[in-house]
Structure formats: C-alpha cells, structure tokens
Amino acid sequence: MEPPVVLTGGLATLFAVYWPFTPSYSDRRLSHRNTFDYSSNNGNFATGREKAQFTLYFSKASDTSIHLYNYSSDVERVAVARGVGQISDIKDVTVFDYTSSSITLQESQIACLENKLGNYACVHVVDVKDATREDDRDEVTLHSVTNPDGGTDFS
C-alpha cells in the first residue's frame, strides 16, 4: 500500500510545482514608503504610475505639519481623512470633504486624493522635518497607497 501512496504524493507535488497558477486574489494596489526633500523640485513628488499617478505638491508649514495642494496637472481633489488612524481603516474614500484646494496635515494624519482619471490614493504623513526649526533638513516621510481602476475601498 505504501508505494501507491508515495507515487500519488510525488505526482501531486510535481503537478503543483509545474502548473501555471496565478492567484486571483492578488492586491493590485500600489504601496510605497518614501522620504524626500519638499523644498526641492518645487515641492513636487510623484507617486503611483500610469492612470493611477499622483503628483503631490507640498510646501512648508512647520516641523510637525505640511501643506498639500491640488495644484498639479493630474490631481483633481484633496481631503484630510479625519478620524482615521491607518489607511487600511478607510472603507470609502469618497466620504471625506474635498472642497478645499489645499490642506494642512499633521504628522500621523492621512490625506486622500483623487486624480483627473477618477483614481484614488491615500498618503499617510509619517514624519516632517523643517530646517528653519530644529532639524538639519527639509524632509517629509510618507506612506502612500494608490488604488487603481477607480477603487474607493482601502481596507
């Protein structure tokens, strides 16, 4: 009885290794953590790609906050995700107030953006440095998640 069991198990293993399998549950969202100098490149920083690209436009606010604008050619609207601790807590990105052309984000706050093609991204401000205060450089650290294909659920 042992040889048929071993043969069956071996064939199943070989079959599993060589079968062209692509999981249908893969996440298409783009997730990045970036640190950059917001006082260079006119405060512009691009995240995402192709139809889900967002050019973020920042300016100095303080050593714990930063201004974000919808002035770039591919960003339509910006909003602060008030009362949200993590990007994965956002079930519907459309519920936030997108009526301002600029927002001020504190460290640990999240901004939500919509681009001209109807795609959404969320940006979590991890850290802000300000050279005019007690830091040695102007710098912001962000964690961004871009949802392609117009998806509004980031959970």
N, C-alpha and C. Protein backbone atom coordinates (compact mmCIF):
# COMPACT_ATOMS: atom_id res chain seq x y z
N MET A 1 0.81 -1.19 0.00
CA MET A 1 0.00 0.00 0.00
C MET A 1 0.86 1.26 0.00
N GLU A 2 2.06 1.15 0.53
CA GLU A 2 2.92 2.32 0.64
C GLU A 2 3.38 2.85 -0.73
N PRO A 3 3.78 2.04 -1.69
CA PRO A 3 4.22 2.58 -2.99
C PRO A 3 3.15 3.41 -3.71
N PRO A 4 1.86 3.02 -3.74
CA PRO A 4 0.87 3.88 -4.42
C PRO A 4 0.69 5.22 -3.70
N VAL A 5 0.78 5.24 -2.39
CA VAL A 5 0.62 6.49 -1.64
C VAL A 5 1.78 7.43 -1.95
N VAL A 6 3.01 6.90 -1.96
CA VAL A 6 4.19 7.71 -2.26
C VAL A 6 4.14 8.21 -3.71
N LEU A 7 3.73 7.36 -4.63
CA LEU A 7 3.63 7.76 -6.03
C LEU A 7 2.60 8.88 -6.21
N THR A 8 1.44 8.73 -5.58
CA THR A 8 0.39 9.75 -5.68
C THR A 8 0.86 11.07 -5.09
N GLY A 9 1.50 11.02 -3.92
CA GLY A 9 2.00 12.24 -3.29
C GLY A 9 3.07 12.91 -4.12
N GLY A 10 3.97 12.14 -4.71
CA GLY A 10 5.02 12.68 -5.57
C GLY A 10 4.47 13.33 -6.82
N LEU A 11 3.50 12.67 -7.45
CA LEU A 11 2.89 13.24 -8.65
C LEU A 11 2.12 14.52 -8.33
N ALA A 12 1.45 14.54 -7.19
CA ALA A 12 0.71 15.75 -6.80
C ALA A 12 1.67 16.91 -6.57
N THR A 13 2.82 16.64 -5.97
CA THR A 13 3.81 17.68 -5.75
C THR A 13 4.36 18.20 -7.07
N LEU A 14 4.73 17.31 -7.96
CA LEU A 14 5.23 17.73 -9.28
C LEU A 14 4.17 18.52 -10.04
N PHE A 15 2.94 18.08 -9.99
CA PHE A 15 1.84 18.77 -10.66
C PHE A 15 1.68 20.20 -10.10
N ALA A 16 1.76 20.34 -8.79
CA ALA A 16 1.61 21.65 -8.15
C ALA A 16 2.75 22.60 -8.51
N VAL A 17 3.95 22.07 -8.66
CA VAL A 17 5.11 22.90 -8.97
C VAL A 17 5.05 23.42 -10.40
N TYR A 18 4.64 22.62 -11.34
CA TYR A 18 4.68 22.99 -12.75
C TYR A 18 3.37 23.53 -13.30
N TRP A 19 2.30 23.50 -12.56
CA TRP A 19 1.03 24.01 -13.04
C TRP A 19 1.08 25.53 -13.13
N PRO A 20 0.70 26.13 -14.25
CA PRO A 20 0.75 27.60 -14.38
C PRO A 20 -0.39 28.24 -13.57
N PHE A 21 -0.10 28.59 -12.36
CA PHE A 21 -1.12 29.09 -11.43
C PHE A 21 -0.89 30.56 -11.14
N THR A 22 -1.92 31.36 -11.33
CA THR A 22 -1.87 32.77 -10.97
C THR A 22 -3.00 33.02 -9.99
N PRO A 23 -2.69 33.47 -8.78
CA PRO A 23 -3.75 33.69 -7.81
C PRO A 23 -4.70 34.81 -8.26
N SER A 24 -5.97 34.61 -8.08
CA SER A 24 -6.96 35.62 -8.47
C SER A 24 -7.21 36.62 -7.34
N TYR A 25 -6.61 36.40 -6.20
CA TYR A 25 -6.85 37.27 -5.06
C TYR A 25 -5.71 38.27 -4.84
N SER A 26 -4.84 38.48 -5.79
CA SER A 26 -3.71 39.39 -5.59
C SER A 26 -4.21 40.83 -5.50
N ASP A 27 -3.49 41.63 -4.72
CA ASP A 27 -3.84 43.02 -4.49
C ASP A 27 -3.18 43.88 -5.56
N ARG A 28 -3.97 44.65 -6.30
CA ARG A 28 -3.43 45.50 -7.36
C ARG A 28 -3.02 46.87 -6.86
N ARG A 29 -3.27 47.16 -5.59
CA ARG A 29 -2.90 48.47 -5.05
C ARG A 29 -1.39 48.62 -5.00
N LEU A 30 -0.95 49.86 -5.21
CA LEU A 30 0.47 50.18 -5.13
C LEU A 30 0.73 50.82 -3.77
N SER A 31 1.72 50.30 -3.06
CA SER A 31 2.04 50.81 -1.73
C SER A 31 3.52 51.16 -1.68
N HIS A 32 3.83 52.37 -1.22
CA HIS A 32 5.22 52.83 -1.16
C HIS A 32 5.45 53.64 0.11
N ARG A 33 6.68 53.59 0.58
CA ARG A 33 7.13 54.49 1.65
C ARG A 33 8.29 55.28 1.08
N ASN A 34 8.17 56.61 1.11
CA ASN A 34 9.17 57.48 0.51
C ASN A 34 9.54 58.61 1.45
N THR A 35 10.78 59.02 1.36
CA THR A 35 11.27 60.21 2.07
C THR A 35 11.89 61.12 1.03
N PHE A 36 11.53 62.40 1.04
CA PHE A 36 12.09 63.33 0.07
C PHE A 36 12.14 64.74 0.64
N ASP A 37 12.95 65.57 -0.01
CA ASP A 37 13.13 66.97 0.37
C ASP A 37 12.04 67.80 -0.29
N TYR A 38 11.09 68.29 0.49
CA TYR A 38 9.97 69.03 -0.08
C TYR A 38 10.33 70.46 -0.48
N SER A 39 11.53 70.92 -0.13
CA SER A 39 11.95 72.26 -0.55
C SER A 39 12.64 72.25 -1.91
N SER A 40 12.88 71.07 -2.47
CA SER A 40 13.46 70.98 -3.81
C SER A 40 12.38 70.55 -4.80
N ASN A 41 12.67 70.65 -6.08
CA ASN A 41 11.75 70.25 -7.15
C ASN A 41 10.39 70.95 -7.02
N ASN A 42 10.39 72.17 -6.54
CA ASN A 42 9.17 72.96 -6.34
C ASN A 42 8.15 72.27 -5.45
N GLY A 43 8.62 71.39 -4.57
CA GLY A 43 7.71 70.68 -3.67
C GLY A 43 6.94 69.55 -4.31
N ASN A 44 7.28 69.20 -5.54
CA ASN A 44 6.56 68.15 -6.27
C ASN A 44 7.17 66.77 -6.03
N PHE A 45 6.29 65.79 -5.89
CA PHE A 45 6.72 64.40 -5.75
C PHE A 45 5.64 63.52 -6.37
N ALA A 46 6.03 62.60 -7.27
CA ALA A 46 5.06 61.74 -7.95
C ALA A 46 4.99 60.38 -7.28
N THR A 47 3.78 59.90 -7.10
CA THR A 47 3.56 58.55 -6.57
C THR A 47 2.55 57.85 -7.47
N GLY A 48 2.56 56.53 -7.48
CA GLY A 48 1.70 55.76 -8.38
C GLY A 48 2.31 55.71 -9.76
N ARG A 49 1.55 55.19 -10.72
CA ARG A 49 2.05 55.12 -12.09
C ARG A 49 0.88 55.03 -13.07
N GLU A 50 1.17 55.43 -14.28
CA GLU A 50 0.23 55.40 -15.40
C GLU A 50 -1.07 56.11 -15.04
N LYS A 51 -2.22 55.44 -15.17
CA LYS A 51 -3.50 56.08 -14.89
C LYS A 51 -3.73 56.34 -13.40
N ALA A 52 -2.92 55.73 -12.56
CA ALA A 52 -3.04 55.93 -11.11
C ALA A 52 -1.85 56.73 -10.58
N GLN A 53 -1.39 57.72 -11.36
CA GLN A 53 -0.29 58.58 -10.92
C GLN A 53 -0.84 59.83 -10.26
N PHE A 54 -0.14 60.26 -9.21
CA PHE A 54 -0.49 61.46 -8.47
C PHE A 54 0.78 62.27 -8.26
N THR A 55 0.78 63.53 -8.72
CA THR A 55 1.90 64.41 -8.44
C THR A 55 1.51 65.25 -7.23
N LEU A 56 2.19 65.00 -6.13
CA LEU A 56 1.90 65.69 -4.87
C LEU A 56 2.67 67.00 -4.84
N TYR A 57 2.01 68.07 -4.42
CA TYR A 57 2.64 69.38 -4.33
C TYR A 57 2.59 69.83 -2.87
N PHE A 58 3.76 69.93 -2.24
CA PHE A 58 3.88 70.26 -0.82
C PHE A 58 4.55 71.62 -0.63
N SER A 59 4.28 72.23 0.52
CA SER A 59 5.04 73.40 0.97
C SER A 59 5.17 73.34 2.49
N LYS A 60 6.11 74.12 2.99
CA LYS A 60 6.47 74.12 4.40
C LYS A 60 5.35 74.68 5.27
N ALA A 61 5.10 74.02 6.39
CA ALA A 61 4.16 74.54 7.39
C ALA A 61 4.88 74.66 8.74
N SER A 62 5.44 73.56 9.25
CA SER A 62 6.21 73.56 10.50
C SER A 62 7.02 72.28 10.57
N ASP A 63 7.59 72.03 11.74
CA ASP A 63 8.37 70.79 11.89
C ASP A 63 7.49 69.60 12.24
N THR A 64 6.18 69.80 12.35
CA THR A 64 5.25 68.69 12.61
C THR A 64 4.07 68.67 11.65
N SER A 65 4.05 69.60 10.69
CA SER A 65 2.95 69.63 9.72
C SER A 65 3.45 70.11 8.37
N ILE A 66 2.63 69.87 7.34
CA ILE A 66 3.00 70.22 5.98
C ILE A 66 1.72 70.54 5.19
N HIS A 67 1.85 71.47 4.21
CA HIS A 67 0.72 71.82 3.34
C HIS A 67 0.75 70.94 2.09
N LEU A 68 -0.43 70.50 1.67
CA LEU A 68 -0.59 69.72 0.45
C LEU A 68 -1.66 70.39 -0.41
N TYR A 69 -1.38 70.52 -1.72
CA TYR A 69 -2.26 71.25 -2.64
C TYR A 69 -2.73 70.34 -3.78
N ASN A 70 -3.82 70.77 -4.43
CA ASN A 70 -4.27 70.05 -5.63
C ASN A 70 -3.87 70.82 -6.89
N TYR A 71 -2.74 71.50 -6.86
CA TYR A 71 -2.29 72.35 -7.97
C TYR A 71 -1.64 71.59 -9.12
N SER A 72 -1.33 70.33 -8.97
CA SER A 72 -0.64 69.61 -10.04
C SER A 72 -1.61 69.27 -11.17
N SER A 73 -1.04 68.93 -12.31
CA SER A 73 -1.87 68.69 -13.51
C SER A 73 -2.68 67.40 -13.43
N ASP A 74 -2.33 66.47 -12.54
CA ASP A 74 -3.06 65.21 -12.50
C ASP A 74 -3.90 65.02 -11.23
N VAL A 75 -3.85 65.94 -10.28
CA VAL A 75 -4.65 65.81 -9.06
C VAL A 75 -5.89 66.70 -9.16
N GLU A 76 -7.04 66.11 -8.98
CA GLU A 76 -8.31 66.83 -9.06
C GLU A 76 -8.72 67.40 -7.70
N ARG A 77 -8.66 66.55 -6.64
CA ARG A 77 -9.16 66.96 -5.33
C ARG A 77 -8.30 66.37 -4.22
N VAL A 78 -8.26 67.07 -3.07
CA VAL A 78 -7.55 66.60 -1.87
C VAL A 78 -8.46 66.74 -0.66
N ALA A 79 -8.26 65.86 0.32
CA ALA A 79 -9.05 65.92 1.55
C ALA A 79 -8.24 65.32 2.69
N VAL A 80 -8.55 65.77 3.90
CA VAL A 80 -7.97 65.15 5.10
C VAL A 80 -8.91 64.04 5.55
N ALA A 81 -8.36 62.88 5.84
CA ALA A 81 -9.15 61.76 6.35
C ALA A 81 -9.23 61.90 7.86
N ARG A 82 -10.15 62.72 8.31
CA ARG A 82 -10.29 63.00 9.75
C ARG A 82 -10.84 61.78 10.49
N GLY A 83 -10.25 61.52 11.67
CA GLY A 83 -10.70 60.42 12.50
C GLY A 83 -10.23 59.05 12.04
N VAL A 84 -9.25 59.02 11.15
CA VAL A 84 -8.74 57.75 10.63
C VAL A 84 -7.30 57.59 11.09
N GLY A 85 -6.99 56.42 11.67
CA GLY A 85 -5.64 56.17 12.17
C GLY A 85 -4.71 55.54 11.16
N GLN A 86 -5.24 54.69 10.28
CA GLN A 86 -4.44 53.99 9.28
C GLN A 86 -5.17 53.98 7.95
N ILE A 87 -4.41 53.90 6.88
CA ILE A 87 -5.01 53.86 5.55
C ILE A 87 -5.95 52.67 5.42
N SER A 88 -5.59 51.56 6.03
CA SER A 88 -6.42 50.35 5.93
C SER A 88 -7.76 50.49 6.66
N ASP A 89 -7.96 51.56 7.42
CA ASP A 89 -9.25 51.82 8.08
C ASP A 89 -10.26 52.49 7.15
N ILE A 90 -9.83 52.93 5.98
CA ILE A 90 -10.69 53.68 5.05
C ILE A 90 -11.46 52.70 4.17
N LYS A 91 -12.76 52.65 4.38
CA LYS A 91 -13.62 51.76 3.60
C LYS A 91 -14.22 52.46 2.38
N ASP A 92 -14.41 53.78 2.47
CA ASP A 92 -14.94 54.56 1.35
C ASP A 92 -14.26 55.92 1.34
N VAL A 93 -13.35 56.11 0.42
CA VAL A 93 -12.55 57.33 0.35
C VAL A 93 -13.37 58.54 -0.09
N THR A 94 -14.55 58.33 -0.63
CA THR A 94 -15.37 59.44 -1.15
C THR A 94 -16.12 60.20 -0.06
N VAL A 95 -16.11 59.71 1.18
CA VAL A 95 -16.90 60.35 2.24
C VAL A 95 -16.24 61.59 2.84
N PHE A 96 -14.99 61.87 2.50
CA PHE A 96 -14.28 62.99 3.10
C PHE A 96 -14.57 64.30 2.38
N ASP A 97 -14.22 65.43 3.01
CA ASP A 97 -14.51 66.76 2.49
C ASP A 97 -13.43 67.19 1.49
N TYR A 98 -13.76 67.17 0.22
CA TYR A 98 -12.83 67.51 -0.85
C TYR A 98 -13.03 68.94 -1.36
N THR A 99 -13.57 69.84 -0.56
CA THR A 99 -13.91 71.17 -1.05
C THR A 99 -12.76 72.16 -1.02
N SER A 100 -11.65 71.87 -0.37
CA SER A 100 -10.52 72.80 -0.31
C SER A 100 -9.47 72.46 -1.36
N SER A 101 -8.80 73.48 -1.87
CA SER A 101 -7.72 73.24 -2.81
C SER A 101 -6.39 72.99 -2.10
N SER A 102 -6.35 73.26 -0.80
CA SER A 102 -5.14 72.97 -0.02
C SER A 102 -5.56 72.48 1.37
N ILE A 103 -4.71 71.63 1.93
CA ILE A 103 -4.94 71.11 3.28
C ILE A 103 -3.63 71.13 4.04
N THR A 104 -3.72 71.19 5.36
CA THR A 104 -2.54 71.10 6.21
C THR A 104 -2.64 69.81 6.99
N LEU A 105 -1.58 69.02 6.88
CA LEU A 105 -1.55 67.70 7.51
C LEU A 105 -0.54 67.69 8.65
N GLN A 106 -0.96 67.19 9.79
CA GLN A 106 -0.06 66.96 10.91
C GLN A 106 0.60 65.60 10.72
N GLU A 107 1.72 65.37 11.41
CA GLU A 107 2.31 64.04 11.40
C GLU A 107 1.26 63.04 11.88
N SER A 108 1.20 61.92 11.26
CA SER A 108 0.27 60.80 11.50
C SER A 108 -1.10 61.00 10.87
N GLN A 109 -1.36 62.12 10.22
CA GLN A 109 -2.63 62.30 9.52
C GLN A 109 -2.55 61.73 8.11
N ILE A 110 -3.72 61.50 7.52
CA ILE A 110 -3.82 60.89 6.20
C ILE A 110 -4.55 61.86 5.26
N ALA A 111 -3.99 62.01 4.06
CA ALA A 111 -4.64 62.78 3.01
C ALA A 111 -5.18 61.81 1.97
N CYS A 112 -6.33 62.12 1.40
CA CYS A 112 -6.91 61.34 0.31
C CYS A 112 -6.94 62.23 -0.92
N LEU A 113 -6.60 61.66 -2.05
CA LEU A 113 -6.54 62.41 -3.30
C LEU A 113 -7.28 61.67 -4.39
N GLU A 114 -7.87 62.44 -5.29
CA GLU A 114 -8.48 61.88 -6.50
C GLU A 114 -7.77 62.50 -7.68
N ASN A 115 -7.37 61.68 -8.66
CA ASN A 115 -6.72 62.26 -9.84
C ASN A 115 -7.76 62.55 -10.92
N LYS A 116 -7.32 63.15 -12.01
CA LYS A 116 -8.21 63.57 -13.09
C LYS A 116 -8.92 62.40 -13.76
N LEU A 117 -8.38 61.17 -13.58
CA LEU A 117 -8.96 59.98 -14.20
C LEU A 117 -9.88 59.21 -13.26
N GLY A 118 -10.14 59.77 -12.06
CA GLY A 118 -11.06 59.14 -11.13
C GLY A 118 -10.45 58.07 -10.24
N ASN A 119 -9.13 57.97 -10.19
CA ASN A 119 -8.47 57.03 -9.30
C ASN A 119 -8.12 57.72 -7.99
N TYR A 120 -8.00 56.93 -6.92
CA TYR A 120 -7.76 57.48 -5.59
C TYR A 120 -6.44 56.99 -5.01
N ALA A 121 -5.87 57.84 -4.15
CA ALA A 121 -4.67 57.50 -3.40
C ALA A 121 -4.83 58.06 -2.00
N CYS A 122 -4.20 57.40 -1.04
CA CYS A 122 -4.15 57.90 0.33
C CYS A 122 -2.68 58.03 0.73
N VAL A 123 -2.37 59.11 1.42
CA VAL A 123 -0.99 59.41 1.81
C VAL A 123 -0.97 59.64 3.31
N HIS A 124 -0.20 58.82 4.02
CA HIS A 124 -0.05 58.93 5.47
C HIS A 124 1.26 59.68 5.74
N VAL A 125 1.17 60.82 6.44
CA VAL A 125 2.36 61.60 6.77
C VAL A 125 3.00 60.96 8.00
N VAL A 126 4.17 60.36 7.80
CA VAL A 126 4.86 59.66 8.88
C VAL A 126 5.72 60.61 9.69
N ASP A 127 6.48 61.50 9.00
CA ASP A 127 7.40 62.40 9.69
C ASP A 127 7.63 63.65 8.85
N VAL A 128 7.78 64.80 9.51
CA VAL A 128 8.09 66.07 8.85
C VAL A 128 9.31 66.67 9.53
N LYS A 129 10.27 67.14 8.73
CA LYS A 129 11.43 67.85 9.25
C LYS A 129 11.45 69.24 8.62
N ASP A 130 11.92 70.24 9.39
CA ASP A 130 11.95 71.62 8.94
C ASP A 130 13.30 72.22 9.30
N ALA A 131 14.07 72.62 8.29
CA ALA A 131 15.42 73.16 8.50
C ALA A 131 15.42 74.52 9.19
N THR A 132 14.30 75.23 9.17
CA THR A 132 14.25 76.54 9.84
C THR A 132 13.92 76.41 11.32
N ARG A 133 13.69 75.20 11.74
CA ARG A 133 13.44 74.96 13.16
C ARG A 133 14.59 74.12 13.71
N GLU A 134 14.36 73.02 14.32
CA GLU A 134 15.45 72.29 14.97
C GLU A 134 15.99 71.12 14.16
N ASP A 135 15.60 71.00 12.91
CA ASP A 135 16.07 69.90 12.07
C ASP A 135 17.19 70.36 11.15
N ASP A 136 17.96 69.43 10.63
CA ASP A 136 19.07 69.77 9.74
C ASP A 136 18.69 69.79 8.26
N ARG A 137 17.42 69.50 7.94
CA ARG A 137 16.99 69.48 6.54
C ARG A 137 15.46 69.58 6.46
N ASP A 138 14.99 69.94 5.27
CA ASP A 138 13.55 69.91 4.97
C ASP A 138 13.25 68.54 4.38
N GLU A 139 12.34 67.81 5.01
CA GLU A 139 12.10 66.44 4.56
C GLU A 139 10.74 65.97 5.06
N VAL A 140 10.08 65.16 4.26
CA VAL A 140 8.83 64.54 4.67
C VAL A 140 8.91 63.05 4.33
N THR A 141 8.42 62.23 5.24
CA THR A 141 8.35 60.78 5.02
C THR A 141 6.88 60.40 4.90
N LEU A 142 6.55 59.71 3.82
CA LEU A 142 5.16 59.37 3.50
C LEU A 142 5.01 57.88 3.28
N HIS A 143 3.85 57.37 3.63
CA HIS A 143 3.44 56.03 3.19
C HIS A 143 2.22 56.25 2.31
N SER A 144 2.33 55.86 1.04
CA SER A 144 1.22 56.10 0.11
C SER A 144 0.69 54.78 -0.43
N VAL A 145 -0.63 54.75 -0.61
CA VAL A 145 -1.30 53.61 -1.22
C VAL A 145 -2.17 54.15 -2.34
N THR A 146 -1.99 53.60 -3.53
CA THR A 146 -2.75 54.02 -4.70
C THR A 146 -3.67 52.88 -5.12
N ASN A 147 -4.93 53.22 -5.32
CA ASN A 147 -5.94 52.24 -5.69
C ASN A 147 -6.26 52.41 -7.17
N PRO A 148 -5.78 51.54 -8.05
CA PRO A 148 -6.07 51.70 -9.48
C PRO A 148 -7.50 51.31 -9.82
N ASP A 149 -7.91 51.62 -11.00
CA ASP A 149 -9.22 51.23 -11.52
C ASP A 149 -10.38 51.86 -10.77
N GLY A 150 -10.17 53.04 -10.17
CA GLY A 150 -11.25 53.78 -9.53
C GLY A 150 -11.74 53.20 -8.22
N GLY A 151 -11.01 52.27 -7.63
CA GLY A 151 -11.43 51.67 -6.36
C GLY A 151 -11.47 52.70 -5.23
N THR A 152 -12.47 52.61 -4.37
CA THR A 152 -12.62 53.56 -3.26
C THR A 152 -12.42 52.94 -1.90
N ASP A 153 -12.22 51.62 -1.82
CA ASP A 153 -12.04 50.90 -0.55
C ASP A 153 -10.56 50.63 -0.35
N PHE A 154 -10.00 51.14 0.75
CA PHE A 154 -8.59 50.93 1.07
C PHE A 154 -8.41 49.96 2.23
N SER A 155 -9.50 49.33 2.69
CA SER A 155 -9.38 48.41 3.83
C SER A 155 -8.86 47.05 3.41
